[in-house]
Every structure is written in structure tokens, then in C-alpha cells.
């Protein structure tokens, strides 16, 4: 994929193309909102080219990878926030 917007610490926008579904690109948007108590709300939006693409991605079990990616993002943001 390609990063289109990286506006720290507010927004990340990038495209994603999974190897198992070539030529089916989706646009991911993460909005980060600072909350009290040194917390952050992350809102993710995935824009697929079609309902069939969305259903195809979900059928692969990609949710596990998405959870892992959010954990990695959380770790990265924690490290960046302390510097």
C-alpha cells in the first residue's frame, strides 16, 4: 500500500492490498483522538471498492491480522508519546 496522509498525531490514511486478493485495494483511515487519562481513541474506517471485496476480505479471517496491526500501532504510539 501507499501512505497518503500521515498527520501526527491526528490522522493516518493509506491504501492496503492483500497478497491473497491482488488488485483489490482498500483505503484505510485512522483518526486518533486524545482523551483524558493519557488515553487515545482510535477510529478506523475501511473503504472497499465493492461489497464483494469487503466480504472477500472478511472471509479470509483478516480480523486477526487487523487486531495485531492495532496492537502494533498502540505500541508505536506509546513509544512516540514518551519521546
C-alpha atoms as a PDB file:
ATOM      1  CA  UNK A   1       0.000   0.000   0.000  1.00  0.00           C
ATOM      2  CA  UNK A   2       0.815   3.675  -0.028  1.00  0.00           C
ATOM      3  CA  UNK A   3       0.589   6.206   2.802  1.00  0.00           C
ATOM      4  CA  UNK A   4      -1.426   9.195   1.603  1.00  0.00           C
ATOM      5  CA  UNK A   5      -1.662  11.194   4.826  1.00  0.00           C
ATOM      6  CA  UNK A   6       0.415  10.954   7.969  1.00  0.00           C
ATOM      7  CA  UNK A   7      -0.644  13.880  10.128  1.00  0.00           C
ATOM      8  CA  UNK A   8       0.772  13.056  13.537  1.00  0.00           C
ATOM      9  CA  UNK A   9      -0.886  12.704  15.954  1.00  0.00           C
ATOM     10  CA  UNK A  10      -4.292  13.087  14.332  1.00  0.00           C
ATOM     11  CA  UNK A  11      -4.765  11.043  11.178  1.00  0.00           C
ATOM     12  CA  UNK A  12      -3.259   8.242   9.086  1.00  0.00           C
ATOM     13  CA  UNK A  13      -4.637   7.423   5.632  1.00  0.00           C
ATOM     14  CA  UNK A  14      -3.215   4.656   3.468  1.00  0.00           C
ATOM     15  CA  UNK A  15      -4.145   2.088   0.862  1.00  0.00           C
ATOM     16  CA  UNK A  16      -3.957  -1.628   1.544  1.00  0.00           C
ATOM     17  CA  UNK A  17      -3.754  -4.505  -0.896  1.00  0.00           C
ATOM     18  CA  UNK A  18      -3.568  -8.013   0.487  1.00  0.00           C
ATOM     19  CA  UNK A  19      -1.399 -10.524  -1.407  1.00  0.00           C
ATOM     20  CA  UNK A  20      -4.192 -13.121  -1.367  1.00  0.00           C
ATOM     21  CA  UNK A  21      -6.518 -10.666  -3.148  1.00  0.00           C
ATOM     22  CA  UNK A  22      -4.365  -8.739  -5.643  1.00  0.00           C
ATOM     23  CA  UNK A  23      -5.926  -5.745  -7.406  1.00  0.00           C
ATOM     24  CA  UNK A  24      -8.490  -5.336  -4.614  1.00  0.00           C
ATOM     25  CA  UNK A  25      -7.308  -2.169  -2.901  1.00  0.00           C
ATOM     26  CA  UNK A  26      -8.984  -0.596   0.084  1.00  0.00           C
ATOM     27  CA  UNK A  27      -8.497   2.806   1.677  1.00  0.00           C
ATOM     28  CA  UNK A  28      -7.870   2.787   5.430  1.00  0.00           C
ATOM     29  CA  UNK A  29      -8.328   5.858   7.616  1.00  0.00           C
ATOM     30  CA  UNK A  30      -7.297   6.031  11.257  1.00  0.00           C
ATOM     31  CA  UNK A  31      -8.364   9.060  13.297  1.00  0.00           C
ATOM     32  CA  UNK A  32      -6.603   9.463  16.642  1.00  0.00           C
ATOM     33  CA  UNK A  33      -8.271  11.499  19.378  1.00  0.00           C
ATOM     34  CA  UNK A  34      -6.551  12.373  22.644  1.00  0.00           C
ATOM     35  CA  UNK A  35      -8.623  11.536  25.720  1.00  0.00           C
ATOM     36  CA  UNK A  36      -8.167  12.339  29.410  1.00  0.00           C
ATOM     37  CA  UNK A  37      -6.005   9.998  31.434  1.00  0.00           C
ATOM     38  CA  UNK A  38      -3.261   9.725  28.797  1.00  0.00           C
ATOM     39  CA  UNK A  39      -5.519   7.642  26.555  1.00  0.00           C
ATOM     40  CA  UNK A  40      -6.242   7.745  22.833  1.00  0.00           C
ATOM     41  CA  UNK A  41      -9.393   6.856  20.923  1.00  0.00           C
ATOM     42  CA  UNK A  42      -8.685   5.287  17.540  1.00  0.00           C
ATOM     43  CA  UNK A  43     -11.443   5.288  14.930  1.00  0.00           C
ATOM     44  CA  UNK A  44     -10.775   3.134  11.882  1.00  0.00           C
ATOM     45  CA  UNK A  45     -12.680   3.304   8.617  1.00  0.00           C
ATOM     46  CA  UNK A  46     -12.103   0.874   5.753  1.00  0.00           C
ATOM     47  CA  UNK A  47     -13.395   1.858   2.325  1.00  0.00           C
ATOM     48  CA  UNK A  48     -13.658  -1.093  -0.063  1.00  0.00           C
ATOM     49  CA  UNK A  49     -14.155  -0.900  -3.826  1.00  0.00           C
ATOM     50  CA  UNK A  50     -17.242  -3.110  -3.535  1.00  0.00           C
ATOM     51  CA  UNK A  51     -19.322  -5.128  -1.098  1.00  0.00           C
ATOM     52  CA  UNK A  52     -17.856  -8.268  -2.694  1.00  0.00           C
ATOM     53  CA  UNK A  53     -14.329  -7.043  -1.849  1.00  0.00           C
ATOM     54  CA  UNK A  54     -15.368  -6.398   1.746  1.00  0.00           C
ATOM     55  CA  UNK A  55     -16.973  -9.817   2.062  1.00  0.00           C
ATOM     56  CA  UNK A  56     -13.948 -11.461   0.442  1.00  0.00           C
ATOM     57  CA  UNK A  57     -11.586  -9.831   2.940  1.00  0.00           C
ATOM     58  CA  UNK A  58     -13.769 -10.842   5.881  1.00  0.00           C
ATOM     59  CA  UNK A  59     -13.942 -14.425   4.606  1.00  0.00           C
ATOM     60  CA  UNK A  60     -10.140 -14.693   4.833  1.00  0.00           C
ATOM     61  CA  UNK A  61     -10.122 -14.247   8.599  1.00  0.00           C
ATOM     62  CA  UNK A  62      -8.273 -10.966   8.227  1.00  0.00           C
ATOM     63  CA  UNK A  63      -9.673  -9.781  11.559  1.00  0.00           C
ATOM     64  CA  UNK A  64      -6.802 -11.492  13.392  1.00  0.00           C
ATOM     65  CA  UNK A  65      -4.294  -9.523  11.342  1.00  0.00           C
ATOM     66  CA  UNK A  66      -6.232  -6.317  11.952  1.00  0.00           C
ATOM     67  CA  UNK A  67      -6.148  -6.881  15.717  1.00  0.00           C
ATOM     68  CA  UNK A  68      -2.384  -7.480  15.562  1.00  0.00           C
ATOM     69  CA  UNK A  69      -1.916  -4.315  13.497  1.00  0.00           C
ATOM     70  CA  UNK A  70      -3.849  -2.215  16.041  1.00  0.00           C
ATOM     71  CA  UNK A  71      -1.712  -3.646  18.863  1.00  0.00           C
ATOM     72  CA  UNK A  72       1.440  -2.695  16.955  1.00  0.00           C
ATOM     73  CA  UNK A  73       0.065   0.791  16.311  1.00  0.00           C
ATOM     74  CA  UNK A  74      -0.703   1.153  20.020  1.00  0.00           C
ATOM     75  CA  UNK A  75       2.847   0.115  20.927  1.00  0.00           C
ATOM     76  CA  UNK A  76       4.306   2.528  18.388  1.00  0.00           C
ATOM     77  CA  UNK A  77       2.177   5.434  19.615  1.00  0.00           C
ATOM     78  CA  UNK A  78       3.169   4.675  23.209  1.00  0.00           C
ATOM     79  CA  UNK A  79       6.852   4.858  22.298  1.00  0.00           C
ATOM     80  CA  UNK A  80       6.420   8.056  20.260  1.00  0.00           C
ATOM     81  CA  UNK A  81       4.439   9.732  23.055  1.00  0.00           C
ATOM     82  CA  UNK A  82       7.282   9.200  25.540  1.00  0.00           C
ATOM     83  CA  UNK A  83       9.878  10.914  23.335  1.00  0.00           C
END
